[in-house]
C-alpha atoms as a PDB file:
ATOM      1  CA  MET A   1     -48.375 -10.524 162.127  1.00  0.00           C
ATOM      2  CA  ALA A   2     -46.909 -10.337 158.642  1.00  0.00           C
ATOM      3  CA  LYS A   3     -43.709  -8.842 160.027  1.00  0.00           C
ATOM      4  CA  GLU A   4     -43.331 -11.636 162.554  1.00  0.00           C
ATOM      5  CA  ASP A   5     -43.761 -14.312 159.859  1.00  0.00           C
ATOM      6  CA  LYS A   6     -40.997 -12.796 157.757  1.00  0.00           C
ATOM      7  CA  LYS A   7     -38.590 -12.710 160.679  1.00  0.00           C
ATOM      8  CA  ALA A   8     -39.312 -16.306 161.641  1.00  0.00           C
ATOM      9  CA  GLN A   9     -38.250 -17.668 158.230  1.00  0.00           C
ATOM     10  CA  PRO A  10     -34.531 -18.444 158.014  1.00  0.00           C
ATOM     11  CA  GLU A  11     -32.545 -16.771 155.256  1.00  0.00           C
ATOM     12  CA  VAL A  12     -31.729 -19.091 152.395  1.00  0.00           C
ATOM     13  CA  LYS A  13     -28.482 -18.181 150.661  1.00  0.00           C
ATOM     14  CA  PRO A  14     -28.336 -19.190 147.002  1.00  0.00           C
ATOM     15  CA  ASN A  15     -25.491 -21.510 146.102  1.00  0.00           C
ATOM     16  CA  PRO A  16     -23.592 -19.685 143.338  1.00  0.00           C
ATOM     17  CA  ARG A  17     -22.578 -21.919 140.490  1.00  0.00           C
ATOM     18  CA  LYS A  18     -20.778 -19.310 138.389  1.00  0.00           C
ATOM     19  CA  VAL A  19     -18.004 -16.980 139.448  1.00  0.00           C
ATOM     20  CA  LYS A  20     -16.258 -14.247 137.512  1.00  0.00           C
ATOM     21  CA  ALA A  21     -13.153 -12.104 137.699  1.00  0.00           C
ATOM     22  CA  VAL A  22     -12.743  -8.774 135.915  1.00  0.00           C
ATOM     23  CA  THR A  23      -9.526  -6.969 135.038  1.00  0.00           C
ATOM     24  CA  LYS A  24      -9.920  -3.432 133.730  1.00  0.00           C
ATOM     25  CA  TYR A  25      -7.724  -1.035 131.783  1.00  0.00           C
ATOM     26  CA  LEU A  26      -5.360  -3.633 130.324  1.00  0.00           C
ATOM     27  CA  ARG A  27      -2.902  -1.957 127.949  1.00  0.00           C
ATOM     28  CA  ILE A  28      -3.602  -4.232 124.987  1.00  0.00           C
ATOM     29  CA  ALA A  29      -6.109  -3.928 122.152  1.00  0.00           C
ATOM     30  CA  PRO A  30      -9.272  -6.021 122.568  1.00  0.00           C
ATOM     31  CA  ARG A  31      -8.787  -7.519 119.118  1.00  0.00           C
ATOM     32  CA  LYS A  32      -5.434  -9.013 120.149  1.00  0.00           C
ATOM     33  CA  LEU A  33      -6.844 -10.230 123.456  1.00  0.00           C
ATOM     34  CA  ARG A  34      -9.746 -12.011 121.731  1.00  0.00           C
ATOM     35  CA  LEU A  35      -7.275 -14.228 119.854  1.00  0.00           C
ATOM     36  CA  VAL A  36      -6.127 -15.577 123.215  1.00  0.00           C
ATOM     37  CA  ILE A  37      -9.493 -15.943 124.958  1.00  0.00           C
ATOM     38  CA  ASP A  38     -11.010 -17.823 122.025  1.00  0.00           C
ATOM     39  CA  THR A  39      -8.541 -20.668 122.671  1.00  0.00           C
ATOM     40  CA  ILE A  40      -9.718 -21.264 126.259  1.00  0.00           C
ATOM     41  CA  ARG A  41     -13.469 -20.696 126.024  1.00  0.00           C
ATOM     42  CA  ARG A  42     -15.531 -23.743 127.171  1.00  0.00           C
ATOM     43  CA  ARG A  43     -12.457 -25.645 128.368  1.00  0.00           C
ATOM     44  CA  PRO A  44     -11.716 -27.045 131.820  1.00  0.00           C
ATOM     45  CA  ALA A  45     -10.042 -24.413 133.981  1.00  0.00           C
ATOM     46  CA  ILE A  46      -6.976 -26.575 134.690  1.00  0.00           C
ATOM     47  CA  GLU A  47      -6.505 -27.309 130.988  1.00  0.00           C
ATOM     48  CA  ALA A  48      -6.991 -23.609 130.138  1.00  0.00           C
ATOM     49  CA  MET A  49      -4.190 -22.626 132.531  1.00  0.00           C
ATOM     50  CA  GLY A  50      -1.895 -25.103 130.759  1.00  0.00           C
ATOM     51  CA  ILE A  51      -2.804 -23.744 127.325  1.00  0.00           C
ATOM     52  CA  LEU A  52      -2.177 -20.158 128.429  1.00  0.00           C
ATOM     53  CA  SER A  53       1.235 -21.040 129.847  1.00  0.00           C
ATOM     54  CA  LEU A  54       2.292 -22.336 126.408  1.00  0.00           C
ATOM     55  CA  LEU A  55       0.877 -19.513 124.261  1.00  0.00           C
ATOM     56  CA  ASN A  56       3.451 -17.079 122.923  1.00  0.00           C
ATOM     57  CA  LYS A  57       1.313 -13.931 123.146  1.00  0.00           C
ATOM     58  CA  LYS A  58       1.364 -10.878 125.391  1.00  0.00           C
ATOM     59  CA  GLY A  59      -2.313 -11.310 126.283  1.00  0.00           C
ATOM     60  CA  ALA A  60      -1.812 -14.898 127.487  1.00  0.00           C
ATOM     61  CA  LYS A  61      -0.150 -13.742 130.705  1.00  0.00           C
ATOM     62  CA  MET A  62      -2.914 -11.207 131.355  1.00  0.00           C
ATOM     63  CA  VAL A  63      -5.676 -13.770 130.762  1.00  0.00           C
ATOM     64  CA  SER A  64      -3.827 -16.302 132.915  1.00  0.00           C
ATOM     65  CA  LYS A  65      -3.773 -13.924 135.878  1.00  0.00           C
ATOM     66  CA  THR A  66      -7.477 -13.162 135.513  1.00  0.00           C
ATOM     67  CA  LEU A  67      -8.364 -16.857 135.168  1.00  0.00           C
ATOM     68  CA  HIS A  68      -6.280 -17.650 138.264  1.00  0.00           C
ATOM     69  CA  SER A  69      -8.223 -14.958 140.139  1.00  0.00           C
ATOM     70  CA  ALA A  70     -11.565 -16.432 138.991  1.00  0.00           C
ATOM     71  CA  ILE A  71     -10.492 -19.908 140.162  1.00  0.00           C
ATOM     72  CA  ALA A  72      -9.460 -18.467 143.539  1.00  0.00           C
ATOM     73  CA  ASN A  73     -12.833 -16.703 143.837  1.00  0.00           C
ATOM     74  CA  ALA A  74     -14.608 -19.991 143.115  1.00  0.00           C
ATOM     75  CA  LYS A  75     -12.564 -21.861 145.730  1.00  0.00           C
ATOM     76  CA  ASN A  76     -13.347 -19.129 148.238  1.00  0.00           C
ATOM     77  CA  LEU A  77     -17.069 -19.697 147.641  1.00  0.00           C
ATOM     78  CA  GLY A  78     -16.695 -23.450 148.176  1.00  0.00           C
ATOM     79  CA  LEU A  79     -16.800 -24.699 144.584  1.00  0.00           C
ATOM     80  CA  ASN A  80     -14.759 -27.741 143.587  1.00  0.00           C
ATOM     81  CA  GLU A  81     -11.645 -26.624 141.681  1.00  0.00           C
ATOM     82  CA  ASP A  82     -11.467 -29.873 139.698  1.00  0.00           C
ATOM     83  CA  ARG A  83     -14.959 -29.349 138.249  1.00  0.00           C
ATOM     84  CA  LEU A  84     -14.507 -25.768 137.063  1.00  0.00           C
ATOM     85  CA  TYR A  85     -14.601 -24.852 133.394  1.00  0.00           C
ATOM     86  CA  VAL A  86     -14.352 -21.527 131.562  1.00  0.00           C
ATOM     87  CA  SER A  87     -17.944 -20.775 130.619  1.00  0.00           C
ATOM     88  CA  ASP A  88     -17.541 -17.260 129.250  1.00  0.00           C
ATOM     89  CA  THR A  89     -14.738 -14.841 128.432  1.00  0.00           C
ATOM     90  CA  ARG A  90     -15.075 -11.335 127.087  1.00  0.00           C
ATOM     91  CA  ALA A  91     -12.609  -8.656 126.008  1.00  0.00           C
ATOM     92  CA  ASP A  92     -14.450  -5.357 125.843  1.00  0.00           C
ATOM     93  CA  GLY A  93     -12.905  -2.096 124.753  1.00  0.00           C
ATOM     94  CA  GLY A  94     -11.819   0.388 127.365  1.00  0.00           C
ATOM     95  CA  PRO A  95     -10.830   4.027 126.984  1.00  0.00           C
ATOM     96  CA  SER A  96      -8.227   4.839 124.333  1.00  0.00           C
ATOM     97  CA  LEU A  97      -5.165   6.983 124.945  1.00  0.00           C
ATOM     98  CA  LYS A  98      -4.915   9.583 122.189  1.00  0.00           C
ATOM     99  CA  ARG A  99      -1.442  10.417 120.966  1.00  0.00           C
ATOM    100  CA  PHE A 100      -0.042  12.275 117.957  1.00  0.00           C
ATOM    101  CA  LEU A 101       2.879  11.411 115.717  1.00  0.00           C
ATOM    102  CA  THR A 102       4.547  14.295 113.902  1.00  0.00           C
ATOM    103  CA  ARG A 103       4.812  14.031 110.120  1.00  0.00           C
ATOM    104  CA  SER A 104       6.478  16.061 107.459  1.00  0.00           C
ATOM    105  CA  MET A 105       5.371  19.552 106.394  1.00  0.00           C
ATOM    106  CA  GLY A 106       3.771  20.363 109.737  1.00  0.00           C
ATOM    107  CA  ARG A 107       1.198  17.564 109.741  1.00  0.00           C
ATOM    108  CA  ALA A 108       0.349  15.089 112.498  1.00  0.00           C
ATOM    109  CA  ASP A 109      -1.145  11.587 112.549  1.00  0.00           C
ATOM    110  CA  LYS A 110      -3.442  10.387 115.319  1.00  0.00           C
ATOM    111  CA  ILE A 111      -2.405   7.262 117.261  1.00  0.00           C
ATOM    112  CA  LEU A 112      -4.969   5.437 119.418  1.00  0.00           C
ATOM    113  CA  LYS A 113      -3.471   3.303 122.175  1.00  0.00           C
ATOM    114  CA  ARG A 114      -6.357   1.004 123.000  1.00  0.00           C
ATOM    115  CA  THR A 115      -7.166  -0.581 126.367  1.00  0.00           C
ATOM    116  CA  SER A 116      -9.336  -3.567 127.264  1.00  0.00           C
ATOM    117  CA  HIS A 117     -11.625  -4.776 130.007  1.00  0.00           C
ATOM    118  CA  LEU A 118     -11.264  -8.539 130.450  1.00  0.00           C
ATOM    119  CA  THR A 119     -13.978 -10.703 132.051  1.00  0.00           C
ATOM    120  CA  VAL A 120     -13.460 -14.405 132.758  1.00  0.00           C
ATOM    121  CA  GLU A 121     -16.369 -16.470 134.099  1.00  0.00           C
ATOM    122  CA  VAL A 122     -15.996 -20.007 135.429  1.00  0.00           C
ATOM    123  CA  ARG A 123     -18.738 -22.460 136.338  1.00  0.00           C
ATOM    124  CA  GLU A 124     -18.844 -25.725 138.206  1.00  0.00           C
ATOM    125  CA  GLY A 125     -19.640 -28.627 135.908  1.00  0.00           C
ATOM    126  CA  MET A 126     -20.688 -32.179 136.636  1.00  0.00           C
ATOM    127  CA  LYS A 127     -17.465 -33.848 135.503  1.00  0.00           C
ATOM    128  CA  ILE A 128     -14.201 -33.895 137.448  1.00  0.00           C
ATOM    129  CA  TRP A 129     -11.459 -32.600 135.124  1.00  0.00           C
ATOM    130  CA  GLY A 130      -8.419 -32.879 137.370  1.00  0.00           C
ATOM    131  CA  GLY A 131      -6.188 -35.886 137.949  1.00  0.00           C
ATOM    132  CA  LYS A 132      -7.854 -36.741 141.254  1.00  0.00           C
ATOM    133  CA  LYS A 133     -10.047 -39.825 141.239  1.00  0.00           C
ATOM    134  CA  PRO A 134     -12.668 -40.764 143.806  1.00  0.00           C
ATOM    135  CA  GLU A 135     -11.667 -43.430 146.316  1.00  0.00           C
ATOM    136  CA  ASP A 136     -14.099 -46.005 144.853  1.00  0.00           C
ATOM    137  CA  ALA A 137     -12.572 -45.740 141.380  1.00  0.00           C
ATOM    138  CA  LYS A 138      -9.094 -46.379 142.768  1.00  0.00           C
ATOM    139  CA  ALA A 139     -10.284 -49.528 144.551  1.00  0.00           C
ATOM    140  CA  LYS A 140     -11.905 -50.934 141.391  1.00  0.00           C
ATOM    141  CA  ASN A 141      -8.812 -50.348 139.262  1.00  0.00           C
ATOM    142  CA  LYS A 142      -6.484 -52.301 141.569  1.00  0.00           C
ATOM    143  CA  LYS A 143      -5.544 -55.691 140.199  1.00  0.00           C
ATOM    144  CA  LYS A 144      -5.565 -58.816 142.304  1.00  0.00           C
ATOM    145  CA  PRO A 145      -2.233 -60.499 143.050  1.00  0.00           C
ATOM    146  CA  VAL A 146      -1.149 -63.066 140.458  1.00  0.00           C
ATOM    147  CA  ALA A 147      -1.463 -65.975 142.915  1.00  0.00           C
ATOM    148  CA  ALA A 148      -5.046 -65.073 143.815  1.00  0.00           C
ATOM    149  CA  GLN A 149      -6.274 -64.745 140.210  1.00  0.00           C
ATOM    150  CA  GLY A 150      -6.163 -68.482 139.406  1.00  0.00           C
ATOM    151  CA  LYS A 151      -8.000 -69.640 142.549  1.00  0.00           C
END
């Protein structure tokens, strides 16, 4: 009987409220990438895309692509794009490429070419951040014609 009871209950799918996108093996040091992601953390996703488009850093383009992917993932799961905000961003270190630079008198210096793993997480908030207003707000903001105001 216990097996029949379990089958009779419908499956309840949890409604995800946070979505993330991960980009691995980026050819930039995590320290340089953290300068960029600190500017967009806890900001609305639309505003964060605007900030990244204006930043003059190599990592801004990489973060922008990952954020765009996270927004697309959220839309695919049915979340409202205008309510999304960047809840968490991380730049973790990836594997380093080891290279050597020749020096004088037969010596060599080690060069580490660092890579990063970038994680961008967006969540759906309560406030609408985009320029779209609900229909009721538009109706309230309309002014009455000048002739109708006096009477």
